[in-house]
Amino acid sequence: MCNLHSHGLRGRTSFALQNILSDRFVRVLYKDHVAEGLSPEEGTPSAGILSPLLWNFYFRKVAEAAKGVLLNHHALDLLIML
């Protein structure tokens, strides 16, 4: 959330994003078996409508730190060429 604040996302927008990204619970269903659930501490919801946008906010720091390395990315895909 701190990274989002540095991009000017504050107030109600920040509050809404915090609600989306916190207190999540995931578990896997395979055939008739349901795995024990867990709460992810990082990342964005898979297939979430805001996930690519949020990923790009966080990716900016990676791109800034990777001087001299060619990075090509689209949505949630990343290609690193040394």
C-alpha atoms as a PDB file:
ATOM      1  CA  MET A   1       0.000   0.000   0.000  1.00  0.00           C
ATOM      2  CA  CYS A   2       2.916   2.365   0.604  1.00  0.00           C
ATOM      3  CA  ASN A   3       3.878   2.138  -3.053  1.00  0.00           C
ATOM      4  CA  LEU A   4       0.337   3.094  -4.058  1.00  0.00           C
ATOM      5  CA  HIS A   5       0.482   6.106  -1.744  1.00  0.00           C
ATOM      6  CA  SER A   6       3.626   7.295  -3.536  1.00  0.00           C
ATOM      7  CA  HIS A   7       1.619   7.313  -6.789  1.00  0.00           C
ATOM      8  CA  GLY A   8      -1.058   9.523  -5.262  1.00  0.00           C
ATOM      9  CA  LEU A   9      -3.653   6.860  -4.480  1.00  0.00           C
ATOM     10  CA  ARG A  10      -5.084   7.967  -1.166  1.00  0.00           C
ATOM     11  CA  GLY A  11      -8.402   8.397   0.563  1.00  0.00           C
ATOM     12  CA  ARG A  12     -11.331   6.281  -0.570  1.00  0.00           C
ATOM     13  CA  THR A  13      -9.362   4.720  -3.443  1.00  0.00           C
ATOM     14  CA  SER A  14      -6.637   3.561  -1.089  1.00  0.00           C
ATOM     15  CA  PHE A  15      -9.217   2.272   1.388  1.00  0.00           C
ATOM     16  CA  ALA A  16     -11.043   0.309  -1.337  1.00  0.00           C
ATOM     17  CA  LEU A  17      -7.808  -1.259  -2.608  1.00  0.00           C
ATOM     18  CA  GLN A  18      -6.767  -2.174   0.912  1.00  0.00           C
ATOM     19  CA  ASN A  19     -10.099  -3.959   1.382  1.00  0.00           C
ATOM     20  CA  ILE A  20      -9.596  -5.871  -1.873  1.00  0.00           C
ATOM     21  CA  LEU A  21      -6.065  -6.963  -0.968  1.00  0.00           C
ATOM     22  CA  SER A  22      -6.520  -7.799   2.719  1.00  0.00           C
ATOM     23  CA  ASP A  23      -8.330 -10.550   4.615  1.00  0.00           C
ATOM     24  CA  ARG A  24      -8.365 -12.862   1.589  1.00  0.00           C
ATOM     25  CA  PHE A  25      -8.792 -16.598   1.890  1.00  0.00           C
ATOM     26  CA  VAL A  26      -7.994 -19.170  -0.790  1.00  0.00           C
ATOM     27  CA  ARG A  27      -8.314 -22.922  -1.089  1.00  0.00           C
ATOM     28  CA  VAL A  28      -8.075 -25.471  -3.858  1.00  0.00           C
ATOM     29  CA  LEU A  29     -10.900 -27.716  -4.976  1.00  0.00           C
ATOM     30  CA  TYR A  30      -9.844 -30.811  -6.944  1.00  0.00           C
ATOM     31  CA  LYS A  31     -12.527 -33.320  -7.853  1.00  0.00           C
ATOM     32  CA  ASP A  32     -14.194 -34.083  -4.505  1.00  0.00           C
ATOM     33  CA  HIS A  33     -11.317 -32.918  -2.313  1.00  0.00           C
ATOM     34  CA  VAL A  34     -11.090 -29.431  -0.782  1.00  0.00           C
ATOM     35  CA  ALA A  35      -7.650 -28.417   0.469  1.00  0.00           C
ATOM     36  CA  GLU A  36      -7.106 -26.603   3.732  1.00  0.00           C
ATOM     37  CA  GLY A  37      -7.314 -22.873   3.082  1.00  0.00           C
ATOM     38  CA  LEU A  38      -4.698 -20.198   3.577  1.00  0.00           C
ATOM     39  CA  SER A  39      -4.482 -16.426   3.636  1.00  0.00           C
ATOM     40  CA  PRO A  40      -2.032 -15.020   1.062  1.00  0.00           C
ATOM     41  CA  GLU A  41       0.199 -12.307   2.475  1.00  0.00           C
ATOM     42  CA  GLU A  42       1.318 -10.897  -0.876  1.00  0.00           C
ATOM     43  CA  GLY A  43       0.185 -10.614  -4.450  1.00  0.00           C
ATOM     44  CA  THR A  44      -2.981  -9.665  -6.222  1.00  0.00           C
ATOM     45  CA  PRO A  45      -6.064 -11.799  -6.764  1.00  0.00           C
ATOM     46  CA  SER A  46      -5.712 -14.056  -9.795  1.00  0.00           C
ATOM     47  CA  ALA A  47      -7.950 -12.876 -12.645  1.00  0.00           C
ATOM     48  CA  GLY A  48      -8.887  -9.800 -10.621  1.00  0.00           C
ATOM     49  CA  ILE A  49      -9.940  -6.895 -12.789  1.00  0.00           C
ATOM     50  CA  LEU A  50      -7.508  -4.550 -11.009  1.00  0.00           C
ATOM     51  CA  SER A  51      -4.620  -7.032 -10.766  1.00  0.00           C
ATOM     52  CA  PRO A  52      -2.739  -5.926 -13.936  1.00  0.00           C
ATOM     53  CA  LEU A  53      -2.991  -2.265 -12.914  1.00  0.00           C
ATOM     54  CA  LEU A  54      -1.759  -2.981  -9.382  1.00  0.00           C
ATOM     55  CA  TRP A  55       1.052  -5.172 -10.723  1.00  0.00           C
ATOM     56  CA  ASN A  56       2.231  -2.308 -12.930  1.00  0.00           C
ATOM     57  CA  PHE A  57       2.435   0.012  -9.910  1.00  0.00           C
ATOM     58  CA  TYR A  58       4.695  -2.445  -8.103  1.00  0.00           C
ATOM     59  CA  PHE A  59       6.646  -3.325 -11.231  1.00  0.00           C
ATOM     60  CA  ARG A  60       7.794   0.273 -11.674  1.00  0.00           C
ATOM     61  CA  LYS A  61      10.312  -0.164  -8.842  1.00  0.00           C
ATOM     62  CA  VAL A  62      11.743  -3.265 -10.535  1.00  0.00           C
ATOM     63  CA  ALA A  63      12.075  -1.405 -13.823  1.00  0.00           C
ATOM     64  CA  GLU A  64      13.808   1.532 -12.112  1.00  0.00           C
ATOM     65  CA  ALA A  65      16.305  -0.799 -10.385  1.00  0.00           C
ATOM     66  CA  ALA A  66      17.109  -2.797 -13.537  1.00  0.00           C
ATOM     67  CA  LYS A  67      19.368  -0.288 -15.246  1.00  0.00           C
ATOM     68  CA  GLY A  68      21.115  -1.778 -18.282  1.00  0.00           C
ATOM     69  CA  VAL A  69      18.702  -4.719 -18.484  1.00  0.00           C
ATOM     70  CA  LEU A  70      16.004  -4.893 -21.143  1.00  0.00           C
ATOM     71  CA  LEU A  71      12.611  -5.555 -19.599  1.00  0.00           C
ATOM     72  CA  ASN A  72       9.562  -6.181 -21.732  1.00  0.00           C
ATOM     73  CA  HIS A  73       6.251  -6.608 -19.979  1.00  0.00           C
ATOM     74  CA  HIS A  74       2.580  -6.741 -20.751  1.00  0.00           C
ATOM     75  CA  ALA A  75      -0.108  -7.121 -18.111  1.00  0.00           C
ATOM     76  CA  LEU A  76       1.246  -9.825 -15.775  1.00  0.00           C
ATOM     77  CA  ASP A  77       3.917 -11.232 -18.126  1.00  0.00           C
ATOM     78  CA  LEU A  78       7.570 -10.268 -17.877  1.00  0.00           C
ATOM     79  CA  LEU A  79      10.545 -10.952 -20.173  1.00  0.00           C
ATOM     80  CA  ILE A  80      14.045 -10.130 -18.862  1.00  0.00           C
ATOM     81  CA  MET A  81      16.898  -9.941 -21.393  1.00  0.00           C
ATOM     82  CA  LEU A  82      20.455  -9.624 -20.124  1.00  0.00           C
END
